[in-house]
Structure formats: structure tokens, C-alpha cells
C-alpha atoms as a PDB file:
ATOM      1  CA  MET A   1      -2.322 -10.263  18.357  1.00  0.00           C
ATOM      2  CA  PRO A   2      -3.720 -10.639  14.830  1.00  0.00           C
ATOM      3  CA  ARG A   3      -1.551  -9.670  11.872  1.00  0.00           C
ATOM      4  CA  PHE A   4      -2.785  -7.895   8.773  1.00  0.00           C
ATOM      5  CA  LEU A   5      -1.392  -7.509   5.280  1.00  0.00           C
ATOM      6  CA  ALA A   6      -2.112  -4.087   3.832  1.00  0.00           C
ATOM      7  CA  LEU A   7      -1.748  -3.668   0.084  1.00  0.00           C
ATOM      8  CA  TYR A   8      -1.296  -0.190  -1.329  1.00  0.00           C
ATOM      9  CA  MET A   9      -3.317  -0.095  -4.538  1.00  0.00           C
ATOM     10  CA  GLY A  10      -3.010   2.029  -7.668  1.00  0.00           C
ATOM     11  CA  THR A  11      -2.818   1.656 -11.421  1.00  0.00           C
ATOM     12  CA  GLN A  12      -1.611   3.743 -14.315  1.00  0.00           C
ATOM     13  CA  ASP A  13      -5.210   3.680 -15.578  1.00  0.00           C
ATOM     14  CA  ALA A  14      -6.698   5.328 -12.479  1.00  0.00           C
ATOM     15  CA  GLU A  15      -8.019   8.869 -12.871  1.00  0.00           C
ATOM     16  CA  VAL A  16      -5.963   9.982  -9.862  1.00  0.00           C
ATOM     17  CA  GLN A  17      -2.819   8.735 -11.658  1.00  0.00           C
ATOM     18  CA  ARG A  18      -3.755  10.570 -14.867  1.00  0.00           C
ATOM     19  CA  ARG A  19      -4.204  13.802 -12.863  1.00  0.00           C
ATOM     20  CA  TRP A  20      -0.808  13.210 -11.216  1.00  0.00           C
ATOM     21  CA  ASN A  21       0.820  12.649 -14.612  1.00  0.00           C
ATOM     22  CA  ARG A  22      -0.482  16.036 -15.825  1.00  0.00           C
ATOM     23  CA  LEU A  23       1.151  17.943 -12.940  1.00  0.00           C
ATOM     24  CA  PRO A  24       4.276  19.980 -13.657  1.00  0.00           C
ATOM     25  CA  GLU A  25       7.443  18.186 -12.554  1.00  0.00           C
ATOM     26  CA  ALA A  26       8.173  20.797  -9.874  1.00  0.00           C
ATOM     27  CA  GLU A  27       4.740  20.240  -8.309  1.00  0.00           C
ATOM     28  CA  LYS A  28       5.192  16.456  -8.425  1.00  0.00           C
ATOM     29  CA  ALA A  29       8.535  16.830  -6.659  1.00  0.00           C
ATOM     30  CA  GLU A  30       7.023  19.112  -4.000  1.00  0.00           C
ATOM     31  CA  ARG A  31       4.057  16.791  -3.431  1.00  0.00           C
ATOM     32  CA  SER A  32       6.356  13.756  -3.306  1.00  0.00           C
ATOM     33  CA  GLN A  33       8.461  15.407  -0.623  1.00  0.00           C
ATOM     34  CA  LEU A  34       5.325  16.257   1.393  1.00  0.00           C
ATOM     35  CA  ALA A  35       3.991  12.747   0.919  1.00  0.00           C
ATOM     36  CA  MET A  36       7.208  11.094   2.085  1.00  0.00           C
ATOM     37  CA  GLN A  37       7.204  13.307   5.190  1.00  0.00           C
ATOM     38  CA  ALA A  38       3.554  12.418   5.823  1.00  0.00           C
ATOM     39  CA  TRP A  39       4.334   8.720   5.269  1.00  0.00           C
ATOM     40  CA  GLY A  40       7.172   8.940   7.763  1.00  0.00           C
ATOM     41  CA  ASP A  41       4.848  10.642  10.241  1.00  0.00           C
ATOM     42  CA  TRP A  42       2.279   7.871   9.687  1.00  0.00           C
ATOM     43  CA  ALA A  43       4.950   5.202  10.266  1.00  0.00           C
ATOM     44  CA  GLU A  44       6.104   6.934  13.443  1.00  0.00           C
ATOM     45  CA  ARG A  45       2.530   7.136  14.804  1.00  0.00           C
ATOM     46  CA  HIS A  46       2.060   3.404  14.141  1.00  0.00           C
ATOM     47  CA  ARG A  47       5.603   2.149  14.814  1.00  0.00           C
ATOM     48  CA  GLU A  48       4.418  -0.196  17.587  1.00  0.00           C
ATOM     49  CA  ALA A  49       1.992  -1.898  15.193  1.00  0.00           C
ATOM     50  CA  ILE A  50       4.233  -2.167  12.104  1.00  0.00           C
ATOM     51  CA  LEU A  51       5.841  -5.608  11.904  1.00  0.00           C
ATOM     52  CA  ASP A  52       7.243  -5.198   8.388  1.00  0.00           C
ATOM     53  CA  MET A  53       7.348  -1.728   6.801  1.00  0.00           C
ATOM     54  CA  GLY A  54       7.152  -3.442   3.420  1.00  0.00           C
ATOM     55  CA  ALA A  55       8.345  -1.969   0.158  1.00  0.00           C
ATOM     56  CA  PRO A  56       7.208  -0.845  -3.262  1.00  0.00           C
ATOM     57  CA  LEU A  57       6.568  -3.782  -5.583  1.00  0.00           C
ATOM     58  CA  GLY A  58       7.873  -4.351  -9.092  1.00  0.00           C
ATOM     59  CA  ARG A  59       6.517  -6.240 -12.065  1.00  0.00           C
ATOM     60  CA  THR A  60       4.455  -9.389 -11.555  1.00  0.00           C
ATOM     61  CA  LEU A  61       5.015 -12.887 -12.905  1.00  0.00           C
ATOM     62  CA  LEU A  62       2.154 -15.355 -12.606  1.00  0.00           C
ATOM     63  CA  ALA A  63       3.067 -19.008 -12.057  1.00  0.00           C
ATOM     64  CA  HIS A  64       0.173 -21.307 -12.988  1.00  0.00           C
ATOM     65  CA  PRO A  65      -0.336 -24.876 -14.247  1.00  0.00           C
ATOM     66  CA  GLY A  66       0.340 -23.738 -17.823  1.00  0.00           C
ATOM     67  CA  GLY A  67       3.640 -22.042 -17.042  1.00  0.00           C
ATOM     68  CA  ILE A  68       4.859 -18.615 -16.050  1.00  0.00           C
ATOM     69  CA  GLU A  69       3.804 -15.386 -17.673  1.00  0.00           C
ATOM     70  CA  PRO A  70       3.888 -11.663 -16.988  1.00  0.00           C
ATOM     71  CA  MET A  71       0.704 -10.039 -15.748  1.00  0.00           C
ATOM     72  CA  SER A  72      -0.381  -6.746 -14.275  1.00  0.00           C
ATOM     73  CA  ASN A  73      -2.326  -5.936 -11.138  1.00  0.00           C
ATOM     74  CA  ALA A  74      -3.074  -2.890  -9.022  1.00  0.00           C
ATOM     75  CA  VAL A  75      -0.771  -3.749  -6.089  1.00  0.00           C
ATOM     76  CA  ALA A  76       1.858  -1.029  -5.634  1.00  0.00           C
ATOM     77  CA  ALA A  77       3.393  -1.835  -2.214  1.00  0.00           C
ATOM     78  CA  TYR A  78       2.714  -3.648   1.050  1.00  0.00           C
ATOM     79  CA  VAL A  79       3.071  -3.370   4.826  1.00  0.00           C
ATOM     80  CA  ILE A  80       2.333  -5.865   7.613  1.00  0.00           C
ATOM     81  CA  VAL A  81       0.761  -4.534  10.797  1.00  0.00           C
ATOM     82  CA  GLU A  82      -0.525  -5.934  14.054  1.00  0.00           C
ATOM     83  CA  ALA A  83      -3.843  -4.777  15.556  1.00  0.00           C
ATOM     84  CA  PRO A  84      -6.466  -6.121  17.959  1.00  0.00           C
ATOM     85  CA  THR A  85      -9.157  -6.253  15.235  1.00  0.00           C
ATOM     86  CA  HIS A  86      -9.585  -5.995  11.490  1.00  0.00           C
ATOM     87  CA  ALA A  87     -11.418  -2.685  11.976  1.00  0.00           C
ATOM     88  CA  ALA A  88      -8.564  -1.331  14.106  1.00  0.00           C
ATOM     89  CA  ALA A  89      -6.048  -2.305  11.421  1.00  0.00           C
ATOM     90  CA  ALA A  90      -8.123  -0.620   8.721  1.00  0.00           C
ATOM     91  CA  ALA A  91      -8.475   2.527  10.839  1.00  0.00           C
ATOM     92  CA  MET A  92      -4.691   2.918  10.751  1.00  0.00           C
ATOM     93  CA  PHE A  93      -4.974   3.684   7.030  1.00  0.00           C
ATOM     94  CA  GLU A  94      -7.696   6.330   7.130  1.00  0.00           C
ATOM     95  CA  ASN A  95      -6.449   9.376   5.206  1.00  0.00           C
ATOM     96  CA  HIS A  96      -3.111   7.645   4.527  1.00  0.00           C
ATOM     97  CA  PRO A  97      -0.704   9.664   2.330  1.00  0.00           C
ATOM     98  CA  HIS A  98      -0.760   6.847  -0.255  1.00  0.00           C
ATOM     99  CA  PHE A  99      -4.125   8.064  -1.477  1.00  0.00           C
ATOM    100  CA  GLY A 100      -4.237  11.438   0.216  1.00  0.00           C
ATOM    101  CA  ILE A 101      -1.172  12.887  -1.513  1.00  0.00           C
ATOM    102  CA  PHE A 102       0.260  10.253  -3.843  1.00  0.00           C
ATOM    103  CA  PRO A 103      -1.839   8.960  -6.731  1.00  0.00           C
ATOM    104  CA  GLY A 104      -2.806   5.727  -4.987  1.00  0.00           C
ATOM    105  CA  THR A 105      -6.389   4.503  -5.145  1.00  0.00           C
ATOM    106  CA  GLY A 106      -6.629   2.945  -1.678  1.00  0.00           C
ATOM    107  CA  VAL A 107      -5.257   0.413   0.773  1.00  0.00           C
ATOM    108  CA  GLU A 108      -6.679  -3.103   1.041  1.00  0.00           C
ATOM    109  CA  ILE A 109      -6.302  -4.661   4.499  1.00  0.00           C
ATOM    110  CA  MET A 110      -6.715  -8.393   5.111  1.00  0.00           C
ATOM    111  CA  GLU A 111      -6.063 -10.573   8.127  1.00  0.00           C
ATOM    112  CA  CYS A 112      -3.216 -13.097   7.945  1.00  0.00           C
ATOM    113  CA  LEU A 113      -4.977 -16.244   9.127  1.00  0.00           C
ATOM    114  CA  PRO A 114      -3.247 -19.176  10.819  1.00  0.00           C
ATOM    115  CA  LEU A 115      -2.395 -22.186   8.677  1.00  0.00           C
ATOM    116  CA  PRO A 116      -4.953 -24.967   9.057  1.00  0.00           C
ATOM    117  CA  GLY A 117      -3.696 -27.598  11.479  1.00  0.00           C
ATOM    118  CA  ALA A 118      -0.803 -25.421  12.654  1.00  0.00           C
END
């Protein structure tokens, strides 16, 4: 069955993040607790499809022909899922707590293609 890499997206510059930052700490804590419960519920509903639950991601270093340097991007976390089609994989993330409760901006889903000649 095809595998898909889903990237949870969000930046400090996003309007949804600025709104989150303005919330009182008690409300952030309450929403975070609700979001983690909702995330757990999402994971339970899709447990058969989740190959790697992933993790939050830290700072980025870019290795390129000129060397290595820090950079920023909008990737916040990842998960690897299995689904019969790209559309089916994407449907797993409709109304996901990452952007429904947390200040994430969306989830990008891409198929993990086989290596050429493999």
C-alpha cells in the first residue's frame, strides 16, 4: 500500500499563531489539553494507517554545496501514514487538531515514491 509523508505546517508569522500568542496562559493550557486529547483520538481512529507517529521538529540546518547554515521553514512536525490513494491519505487530515485547535496552518501530504531502479 502506498506510504505518505504528512508535514504539519505552521510559522510564528502566521495570523493563527499571533492569535494564539495573545490568549491568556490559562486558555492556552486548556486548549492544549483539548488538542492533545483530540490528537490522541485522531491517532486512535487511524492507528491501522499510521506507520510512524512522527514527532515535533526542532531547528533546521541546511547542508548545501557552499556549506551548512541555519535556516527556517514552516515544518512543525511529521507523521507517516499508509493509505490506498493520495486522496484517502489527505482525507485523514480533514479537520485535524493541528489546525483545528492548535495554531497550525495546515498539513501537507505527499506520497513516498519508490526509488528509481529499486
